[in-house]
């Protein structure tokens, strides 16, 4: 058979086929691309039409002033920010002037717009969503999808809207333009001598370095202060700020307009010539604004979150650091001296958790907690401390939710200034809560509201004060509202008022325990002219406690058989008149009375022969340290330290072992310099130490000093009294 050969394409044929395919591709691909682009544009146009429908609907009920307002309107129609990225090339932009969306291509040519409201040609009024910050702004930007760090690292030259991102914004430009800026928190800085700026949204503070004659317009809420150095400032209707601070060098550098229903609380200046010319600087409005014509210290008001310390514009406090700055304002005050400085006002604007104890040494004026909370971190532990040490003149502390833990015996107020002008103290709308825990204190007089006795006062007033904390104080006198007592003189018209107050906590003390106060030793009327402080009457009169409106549901206990317990210890009048109405349970007695009690020490372990579980009783062994240096120039003899004690029914007798307290310096002197390496200090800073053939247990303090000879400062020792607590 003849063999057939298979014939392949020739090179010429292949070239012809490829050429035909290329010609078809050149003709058809652009056509297909155009069809796809047209389809994408059609989808984007449909999207823009729907967005504009949302804007029209929004306009009927609300103003649309910012890009965020426009996006909120779109969101109500189901369009989130991520759905506003166009399918076609270019951008979907929002026209601020006409409040309409439009579609533009990559050449900035308008693809679609509302025919009745064509797209403005002002770039500063045209907004787009950006996903990264780089290059030069070609229009106003919505940056709500970016990070705080990215926003704060960029200098904006046109309008900006941060959406829900709380960030500092820096706008600076030399261009003549009219821009809108919207922020949510943070500091807005404006330095644009030729621009007109409108601010919406919220800001912590605003710093206007320069604006044009057409001005800076505030429409939003500034939580802190606005400072203006140069230009025309306008507080528009509905705007607010803690204070407006004029930092201009001369009176001609700045003008101020304040709308009638703007809530700019105060206007003040850092320059005397400016303050003296406020009558010409403030163009209109401001009839509701406090105008402070004395020069204010820029360093001082910058220490706080806002305000200038007046009643109209109190210093705003948001952090523990700002709280501590209160001390700087009263730094010239000392105990037993009159105060001739300013009285300041403060308002807390956020919950504060203190990482350490901060004590306000001297305080007068008003501290308004603004219904925020004050609490302490778990590492803050004190058996006795306080927030406000000494109050003087007229003092009000109010609107605080005060939260404590078991090892945080931190009172709100320590005492009044007994040697200055007579004090008027008001505690109002304060709730103290231990969240079910029992706060252990070791102080001679103790209360979570007001620790010490009130001597030199004209009025003490508790209004809507509530205690929900349980307290166990190892000191002598314990009260719910006043730890010590109240001393009233015959020629001073002093009054004590309790209005709508309540105690829901269980309060336990060792000797005298009460609701209104703890120490009944002061109960009585005294001769104000007597050099010996003669007592004229043994009990308070009705006129001295003008109002008592108190509820008590707590158990008030003294664990001493000869102790005093009641609504008001040793006041026959107050107890007989009010105690039954006030309510509560009052218990006097010692759990150990009538029981055979033995404590045995085995080395550094202590055991007890009782089992109180059937009575719901637990036990602690307590070491009372005499002559313990408080670190403030005083020495305490009532500081107690509690430790758990084990129960063991086999104990039949007690070992009598003496105890002494040394500080570390004394221990090194007595036992050698290497003793510290042999000691195991507990969380209270105490190490227990015994030596062979020495019938003494030493309590050695790592961080505190035992009472020293003030002349020689030689290391000392002190005795220890050991108690058993149930």
Foldseek 3Di string as FASTA:
>chain_A
DDDDDDDDDDPVVVVVVVVVVVVCCVPCVVVVVVVVLVVLVVVLQVVQVVLQVLQVVCVVPDDDQDPLSSQVSVVVVPDHPVNLAGPHAAHFKAQRVQGGIFGAHPVRHTPDDDPVDGHDPAQLRIEGEDDADDDADRHEYEDCPDAQVRQQVDEHAGEYENRQHAHEHHYAYADQEEHEYEHAEEEYEYHYARYEYEYAYEYLEYEYAHYYQNYYEYQYEHAAEYEHAAYEYEDDANYEYLAYEYAYPALVRYAYEYDQRHHHAEYAYQDLRNLVPNVPRYDDHCPNHHYDSDHADPVLLVLASHFRFDPSRAGEHAEVSSVLSLLVQCVVDDFLDEDDDDAGEYEYDEAYEAAEQRANAEHAHEYHPVLHEYHYDPLYFDLEAEHYEEYEAEHEYENYEYEYEQRDQYAHYEAYRQNYAAYAYEYEHYEYAHPPHEHEHFDQFGENYYTAERERHAEYEYYNYEYHHAYEYAHAWYEHHYRAYYAAEDVRNHAYEYYNYEYEYAYEYAAFYAYNYTHLPRAAYFHPPDPVGHGDGSHDDCSRHVYDDYAYAYEIEHQAQNHFYANRTSHPVCRVVPGVVNDYHYYYHHPCPPHDWAWEDDPPAIEIQDDCVVVVDFKWKKKFWFQWDPPPPDGDRRGIDIDGHHYDNPDDHYDDAFEKEWEPLVCCVVPNPCVVVVFDADPVQWTWDDDPPHRYIYTYHDPIAGHADVVPRDTDMTGIDMDMGD
